[in-house]
C-alpha atoms as a PDB file:
ATOM      1  CA  MET A   1     102.584 -37.499 -94.095  1.00  0.00           C
ATOM      2  CA  ALA A   2      99.153 -37.978 -92.531  1.00  0.00           C
ATOM      3  CA  LYS A   3      98.723 -40.829 -90.089  1.00  0.00           C
ATOM      4  CA  SER A   4      96.075 -43.307 -91.195  1.00  0.00           C
ATOM      5  CA  GLN A   5      93.062 -43.856 -89.007  1.00  0.00           C
ATOM      6  CA  PRO A   6      93.518 -46.737 -86.520  1.00  0.00           C
ATOM      7  CA  ILE A   7      91.378 -49.771 -87.227  1.00  0.00           C
ATOM      8  CA  ASN A   8      89.256 -50.900 -84.320  1.00  0.00           C
ATOM      9  CA  TYR A   9      85.703 -52.222 -83.971  1.00  0.00           C
ATOM     10  CA  ILE A  10      84.323 -48.694 -84.266  1.00  0.00           C
ATOM     11  CA  ARG A  11      86.118 -48.161 -87.582  1.00  0.00           C
ATOM     12  CA  VAL A  12      85.052 -51.604 -88.881  1.00  0.00           C
ATOM     13  CA  ALA A  13      81.432 -50.762 -87.969  1.00  0.00           C
ATOM     14  CA  GLU A  14      81.679 -47.441 -89.843  1.00  0.00           C
ATOM     15  CA  VAL A  15      83.088 -49.124 -92.965  1.00  0.00           C
ATOM     16  CA  LEU A  16      80.536 -51.946 -92.963  1.00  0.00           C
ATOM     17  CA  THR A  17      77.703 -49.449 -92.532  1.00  0.00           C
ATOM     18  CA  GLU A  18      79.015 -47.180 -95.313  1.00  0.00           C
ATOM     19  CA  LEU A  19      79.322 -50.208 -97.626  1.00  0.00           C
ATOM     20  CA  GLY A  20      75.734 -51.245 -96.881  1.00  0.00           C
ATOM     21  CA  MET A  21      76.777 -54.564 -95.364  1.00  0.00           C
ATOM     22  CA  ILE A  22      75.151 -53.930 -91.973  1.00  0.00           C
ATOM     23  CA  THR A  23      72.583 -51.584 -90.478  1.00  0.00           C
ATOM     24  CA  GLN A  24      73.384 -48.780 -88.067  1.00  0.00           C
ATOM     25  CA  GLU A  25      71.538 -50.785 -85.380  1.00  0.00           C
ATOM     26  CA  THR A  26      73.804 -53.799 -85.918  1.00  0.00           C
ATOM     27  CA  ALA A  27      76.869 -51.559 -85.755  1.00  0.00           C
ATOM     28  CA  GLN A  28      75.738 -49.989 -82.488  1.00  0.00           C
ATOM     29  CA  SER A  29      74.842 -53.368 -80.979  1.00  0.00           C
ATOM     30  CA  VAL A  30      78.242 -54.929 -81.744  1.00  0.00           C
ATOM     31  CA  ILE A  31      80.108 -51.862 -80.449  1.00  0.00           C
ATOM     32  CA  ALA A  32      78.029 -51.939 -77.265  1.00  0.00           C
ATOM     33  CA  ASP A  33      78.769 -55.652 -76.807  1.00  0.00           C
ATOM     34  CA  PHE A  34      82.511 -54.973 -76.995  1.00  0.00           C
ATOM     35  CA  GLY A  35      82.379 -51.936 -74.702  1.00  0.00           C
ATOM     36  CA  ASP A  36      85.808 -50.403 -74.118  1.00  0.00           C
ATOM     37  CA  LEU A  37      87.456 -53.113 -76.249  1.00  0.00           C
ATOM     38  CA  ALA A  38      85.744 -51.581 -79.306  1.00  0.00           C
ATOM     39  CA  HIS A  39      88.344 -48.773 -79.088  1.00  0.00           C
ATOM     40  CA  SER A  40      91.365 -51.123 -79.071  1.00  0.00           C
ATOM     41  CA  GLU A  41      93.439 -51.030 -82.236  1.00  0.00           C
ATOM     42  CA  MET A  42      93.494 -54.285 -84.213  1.00  0.00           C
ATOM     43  CA  LYS A  43      96.450 -55.853 -85.969  1.00  0.00           C
ATOM     44  CA  PRO A  44      96.265 -55.865 -89.783  1.00  0.00           C
ATOM     45  CA  GLY A  45      95.370 -59.120 -91.467  1.00  0.00           C
ATOM     46  CA  HIS A  46      93.645 -61.895 -89.586  1.00  0.00           C
ATOM     47  CA  GLU A  47      92.488 -59.883 -86.575  1.00  0.00           C
ATOM     48  CA  ILE A  48      90.666 -57.326 -88.725  1.00  0.00           C
ATOM     49  CA  ALA A  49      89.210 -59.955 -91.086  1.00  0.00           C
ATOM     50  CA  SER A  50      87.978 -62.158 -88.249  1.00  0.00           C
ATOM     51  CA  SER A  51      86.156 -59.193 -86.673  1.00  0.00           C
ATOM     52  CA  LEU A  52      83.720 -59.342 -89.606  1.00  0.00           C
ATOM     53  CA  GLU A  53      82.203 -62.475 -88.086  1.00  0.00           C
ATOM     54  CA  ASP A  54      81.109 -60.454 -85.044  1.00  0.00           C
ATOM     55  CA  PHE A  55      79.128 -58.179 -87.375  1.00  0.00           C
ATOM     56  CA  GLY A  56      77.349 -61.093 -89.069  1.00  0.00           C
ATOM     57  CA  VAL A  57      78.952 -60.768 -92.514  1.00  0.00           C
ATOM     58  CA  ALA A  58      81.438 -63.638 -92.280  1.00  0.00           C
ATOM     59  CA  VAL A  59      81.875 -67.152 -90.969  1.00  0.00           C
ATOM     60  CA  SER A  60      85.135 -68.764 -89.865  1.00  0.00           C
ATOM     61  CA  ILE A  61      86.413 -72.176 -90.873  1.00  0.00           C
ATOM     62  CA  HIS A  62      88.109 -73.427 -87.724  1.00  0.00           C
ATOM     63  CA  ALA A  63      91.739 -74.475 -88.063  1.00  0.00           C
ATOM     64  CA  ASP A  64      91.788 -75.927 -84.534  1.00  0.00           C
ATOM     65  CA  ASP A  65      90.414 -79.228 -83.300  1.00  0.00           C
ATOM     66  CA  VAL A  66      86.647 -79.485 -83.922  1.00  0.00           C
ATOM     67  CA  ASP A  67      86.337 -83.017 -82.442  1.00  0.00           C
ATOM     68  CA  PHE A  68      84.103 -84.536 -85.134  1.00  0.00           C
ATOM     69  CA  ALA A  69      84.722 -82.826 -88.461  1.00  0.00           C
ATOM     70  CA  ASP A  70      82.241 -85.044 -90.278  1.00  0.00           C
ATOM     71  CA  GLN A  71      79.507 -83.505 -88.108  1.00  0.00           C
ATOM     72  CA  HIS A  72      81.009 -79.997 -87.925  1.00  0.00           C
ATOM     73  CA  TYR A  73      80.675 -79.389 -91.686  1.00  0.00           C
ATOM     74  CA  GLU A  74      76.879 -79.447 -91.345  1.00  0.00           C
ATOM     75  CA  TRP A  75      76.980 -76.756 -88.643  1.00  0.00           C
ATOM     76  CA  LEU A  76      79.463 -74.671 -90.666  1.00  0.00           C
ATOM     77  CA  LEU A  77      77.324 -74.792 -93.820  1.00  0.00           C
ATOM     78  CA  GLY A  78      74.261 -73.833 -91.774  1.00  0.00           C
ATOM     79  CA  GLU A  79      76.099 -70.837 -90.296  1.00  0.00           C
ATOM     80  CA  ALA A  80      77.166 -69.668 -93.758  1.00  0.00           C
ATOM     81  CA  ALA A  81      73.675 -70.142 -95.216  1.00  0.00           C
ATOM     82  CA  ALA A  82      72.210 -68.089 -92.341  1.00  0.00           C
ATOM     83  CA  LEU A  83      74.294 -65.076 -93.456  1.00  0.00           C
ATOM     84  CA  THR A  84      72.351 -65.008 -96.744  1.00  0.00           C
ATOM     85  CA  GLY A  85      69.102 -64.040 -95.038  1.00  0.00           C
ATOM     86  CA  GLY A  86      67.190 -67.010 -96.442  1.00  0.00           C
ATOM     87  CA  LYS A  87      68.493 -66.825-100.020  1.00  0.00           C
ATOM     88  CA  VAL A  88      70.322 -70.110 -99.474  1.00  0.00           C
ATOM     89  CA  THR A  89      69.121 -73.278 -97.786  1.00  0.00           C
ATOM     90  CA  VAL A  90      71.251 -76.288 -96.955  1.00  0.00           C
ATOM     91  CA  ASP A  91      69.414 -79.598 -96.610  1.00  0.00           C
ATOM     92  CA  ASN A  92      69.990 -83.341 -96.668  1.00  0.00           C
ATOM     93  CA  TYR A  93      73.522 -83.164 -95.307  1.00  0.00           C
ATOM     94  CA  ARG A  94      75.428 -86.429 -95.098  1.00  0.00           C
ATOM     95  CA  PHE A  95      79.033 -87.515 -94.838  1.00  0.00           C
ATOM     96  CA  HIS A  96      80.200 -90.840 -96.260  1.00  0.00           C
ATOM     97  CA  LYS A  97      83.461 -91.889 -94.634  1.00  0.00           C
ATOM     98  CA  GLU A  98      86.053 -93.670 -96.701  1.00  0.00           C
ATOM     99  CA  ASP A  99      86.504 -96.020 -93.721  1.00  0.00           C
ATOM    100  CA  PRO A 100      83.167 -96.087 -91.845  1.00  0.00           C
ATOM    101  CA  ASP A 101      84.565 -98.431 -89.159  1.00  0.00           C
ATOM    102  CA  ASP A 102      87.234 -95.917 -88.057  1.00  0.00           C
ATOM    103  CA  GLU A 103      85.670 -93.105 -85.984  1.00  0.00           C
ATOM    104  CA  ASP A 104      88.909 -91.105 -86.135  1.00  0.00           C
ATOM    105  CA  ALA A 105      89.329 -91.270 -89.924  1.00  0.00           C
ATOM    106  CA  GLY A 106      88.594 -87.999 -91.702  1.00  0.00           C
ATOM    107  CA  ARG A 107      88.580 -88.921 -95.391  1.00  0.00           C
ATOM    108  CA  GLY A 108      85.299 -89.211 -97.209  1.00  0.00           C
ATOM    109  CA  THR A 109      82.737 -87.323 -99.255  1.00  0.00           C
ATOM    110  CA  LEU A 110      80.523 -84.520 -98.026  1.00  0.00           C
ATOM    111  CA  TYR A 111      77.058 -84.330 -99.622  1.00  0.00           C
ATOM    112  CA  PHE A 112      74.342 -81.716 -99.197  1.00  0.00           C
ATOM    113  CA  GLU A 113      71.677 -79.894-101.139  1.00  0.00           C
ATOM    114  CA  CYS A 114      71.981 -76.158-101.730  1.00  0.00           C
ATOM    115  CA  ASN A 115      68.602 -74.715-102.721  1.00  0.00           C
ATOM    116  CA  GLY A 116      67.579 -78.189-103.883  1.00  0.00           C
ATOM    117  CA  LYS A 117      70.699 -78.886-105.952  1.00  0.00           C
ATOM    118  CA  GLU A 118      72.886 -81.748-104.715  1.00  0.00           C
ATOM    119  CA  LEU A 119      76.561 -80.940-104.267  1.00  0.00           C
ATOM    120  CA  SER A 120      79.467 -83.082-103.144  1.00  0.00           C
ATOM    121  CA  PHE A 121      83.007 -82.395-101.978  1.00  0.00           C
ATOM    122  CA  LEU A 122      85.881 -84.820-101.449  1.00  0.00           C
ATOM    123  CA  ILE A 123      87.331 -84.480 -97.937  1.00  0.00           C
ATOM    124  CA  GLU A 124      91.052 -85.231 -97.741  1.00  0.00           C
ATOM    125  CA  GLN A 125      91.671 -84.610 -94.034  1.00  0.00           C
ATOM    126  CA  GLU A 126      93.481 -87.519 -92.353  1.00  0.00           C
ATOM    127  CA  SER A 127      91.916 -87.002 -88.931  1.00  0.00           C
ATOM    128  CA  ASN A 128      88.271 -86.491 -88.067  1.00  0.00           C
ATOM    129  CA  ASP A 129      89.449 -83.906 -85.511  1.00  0.00           C
ATOM    130  CA  TYR A 130      90.231 -81.277 -88.153  1.00  0.00           C
ATOM    131  CA  LEU A 131      88.457 -79.784 -91.149  1.00  0.00           C
ATOM    132  CA  ASP A 132      89.754 -80.005 -94.695  1.00  0.00           C
ATOM    133  CA  MET A 133      90.121 -76.224 -95.018  1.00  0.00           C
ATOM    134  CA  THR A 134      90.209 -76.265 -98.829  1.00  0.00           C
ATOM    135  CA  ALA A 135      87.094 -78.414 -99.159  1.00  0.00           C
ATOM    136  CA  ALA A 136      85.257 -76.340 -96.539  1.00  0.00           C
ATOM    137  CA  GLN A 137      86.137 -73.131 -98.419  1.00  0.00           C
ATOM    138  CA  ALA A 138      84.928 -74.613-101.730  1.00  0.00           C
ATOM    139  CA  ALA A 139      81.689 -75.850-100.125  1.00  0.00           C
ATOM    140  CA  ILE A 140      80.919 -72.421 -98.646  1.00  0.00           C
ATOM    141  CA  GLU A 141      81.739 -70.690-101.941  1.00  0.00           C
ATOM    142  CA  ALA A 142      79.237 -73.057-103.607  1.00  0.00           C
ATOM    143  CA  LEU A 143      76.494 -71.530-101.439  1.00  0.00           C
ATOM    144  CA  SER A 144      76.731 -68.259-103.402  1.00  0.00           C
ATOM    145  CA  PRO A 145      73.393 -67.911-105.260  1.00  0.00           C
ATOM    146  CA  ASP A 146      73.291 -67.021-108.957  1.00  0.00           C
ATOM    147  CA  ASP A 147      70.609 -64.359-108.468  1.00  0.00           C
ATOM    148  CA  ASP A 148      72.466 -62.268-105.872  1.00  0.00           C
ATOM    149  CA  PRO A 149      75.499 -60.020-106.453  1.00  0.00           C
ATOM    150  CA  ARG A 150      76.933 -61.190-103.111  1.00  0.00           C
ATOM    151  CA  SER A 151      79.101 -64.250-102.861  1.00  0.00           C
ATOM    152  CA  PHE A 152      81.353 -65.936-100.333  1.00  0.00           C
ATOM    153  CA  ARG A 153      85.072 -65.288-100.652  1.00  0.00           C
ATOM    154  CA  CYS A 154      87.922 -66.194 -98.337  1.00  0.00           C
ATOM    155  CA  ALA A 155      89.876 -63.303 -96.860  1.00  0.00           C
ATOM    156  CA  ASP A 156      93.594 -63.509 -97.641  1.00  0.00           C
ATOM    157  CA  CYS A 157      95.266 -62.694 -94.359  1.00  0.00           C
ATOM    158  CA  GLY A 158      98.830 -63.079 -95.603  1.00  0.00           C
ATOM    159  CA  PRO A 159     101.591 -65.646 -95.252  1.00  0.00           C
ATOM    160  CA  ASP A 160     101.608 -65.787 -91.434  1.00  0.00           C
ATOM    161  CA  THR A 161      98.192 -67.429 -91.053  1.00  0.00           C
ATOM    162  CA  LEU A 162      99.192 -71.039 -90.460  1.00  0.00           C
ATOM    163  CA  GLY A 163      96.940 -72.275 -87.674  1.00  0.00           C
ATOM    164  CA  HIS A 164      94.474 -69.391 -88.068  1.00  0.00           C
ATOM    165  CA  ASP A 165      90.860 -69.810 -89.093  1.00  0.00           C
ATOM    166  CA  ASP A 166      89.893 -68.999 -92.674  1.00  0.00           C
ATOM    167  CA  VAL A 167      87.375 -66.151 -92.807  1.00  0.00           C
ATOM    168  CA  MET A 168      84.646 -66.460 -95.440  1.00  0.00           C
ATOM    169  CA  VAL A 169      83.028 -63.079 -96.167  1.00  0.00           C
ATOM    170  CA  TRP A 170      79.546 -62.607 -97.707  1.00  0.00           C
ATOM    171  CA  ALA A 171      79.823 -59.493 -99.914  1.00  0.00           C
ATOM    172  CA  THR A 172      79.546 -58.026-103.413  1.00  0.00           C
ATOM    173  CA  ALA A 173      82.640 -57.351-105.516  1.00  0.00           C
ATOM    174  CA  GLU A 174      82.239 -53.627-104.763  1.00  0.00           C
ATOM    175  CA  GLN A 175      81.989 -54.291-101.032  1.00  0.00           C
ATOM    176  CA  ARG A 176      85.117 -56.462-101.151  1.00  0.00           C
ATOM    177  CA  GLU A 177      86.909 -53.590-102.897  1.00  0.00           C
ATOM    178  CA  GLY A 178      85.714 -51.248-100.128  1.00  0.00           C
ATOM    179  CA  LEU A 179      86.959 -53.676 -97.472  1.00  0.00           C
ATOM    180  CA  PHE A 180      90.354 -53.596 -99.167  1.00  0.00           C
ATOM    181  CA  GLN A 181      90.437 -49.791 -99.536  1.00  0.00           C
ATOM    182  CA  HIS A 182      89.318 -48.997 -95.983  1.00  0.00           C
ATOM    183  CA  LEU A 183      90.431 -51.989 -93.906  1.00  0.00           C
ATOM    184  CA  GLY A 184      93.227 -53.552 -95.976  1.00  0.00           C
ATOM    185  CA  ILE A 185      91.378 -56.884 -96.373  1.00  0.00           C
ATOM    186  CA  THR A 186      92.280 -58.755 -99.547  1.00  0.00           C
ATOM    187  CA  PHE A 187      90.608 -61.889-100.877  1.00  0.00           C
ATOM    188  CA  LYS A 188      91.781 -65.197-102.307  1.00  0.00           C
ATOM    189  CA  GLU A 189      90.661 -66.330-105.727  1.00  0.00           C
ATOM    190  CA  PRO A 190      87.680 -68.701-105.489  1.00  0.00           C
ATOM    191  CA  TRP A 191      88.146 -72.441-105.836  1.00  0.00           C
END
């Protein structure tokens, strides 16, 4: 039985280049930035999926403390929109807290415009220190434009991901299939 090729940053760069997700220049730049670490084998699941952010084809929804989630959503949506190369704009962000007098309260409604269309998402997080991961995933998925075959999908890193960031990948259906075939990355169904 043939041993499968180890997955490291060099292999991820090769796959992303072959799938047309990044340029050769981007691949070389990321590998150079990681130096000798680019040769280190990665663990399947979250470690491989999260490496896609370093190549500029994914954004992570932080599971850890973000201090002020009501403000962090705006940054997160901006980071995701930037991956689209200008196809998506996010404007007029606002967050209406359920209890505006409680700085630590996290519940409320997130509003923003995506390419001029107003969207809203109910935020069910108890504390303003943490993101509502489900709402954040749905909001990023909503950034997927109708006139582009690429869309945002959340990588499914398996059952042992409690406390890990969610990784939202910007790719076509064919590219997601390639990521599965070559890197073992699977994807959750969209919200």
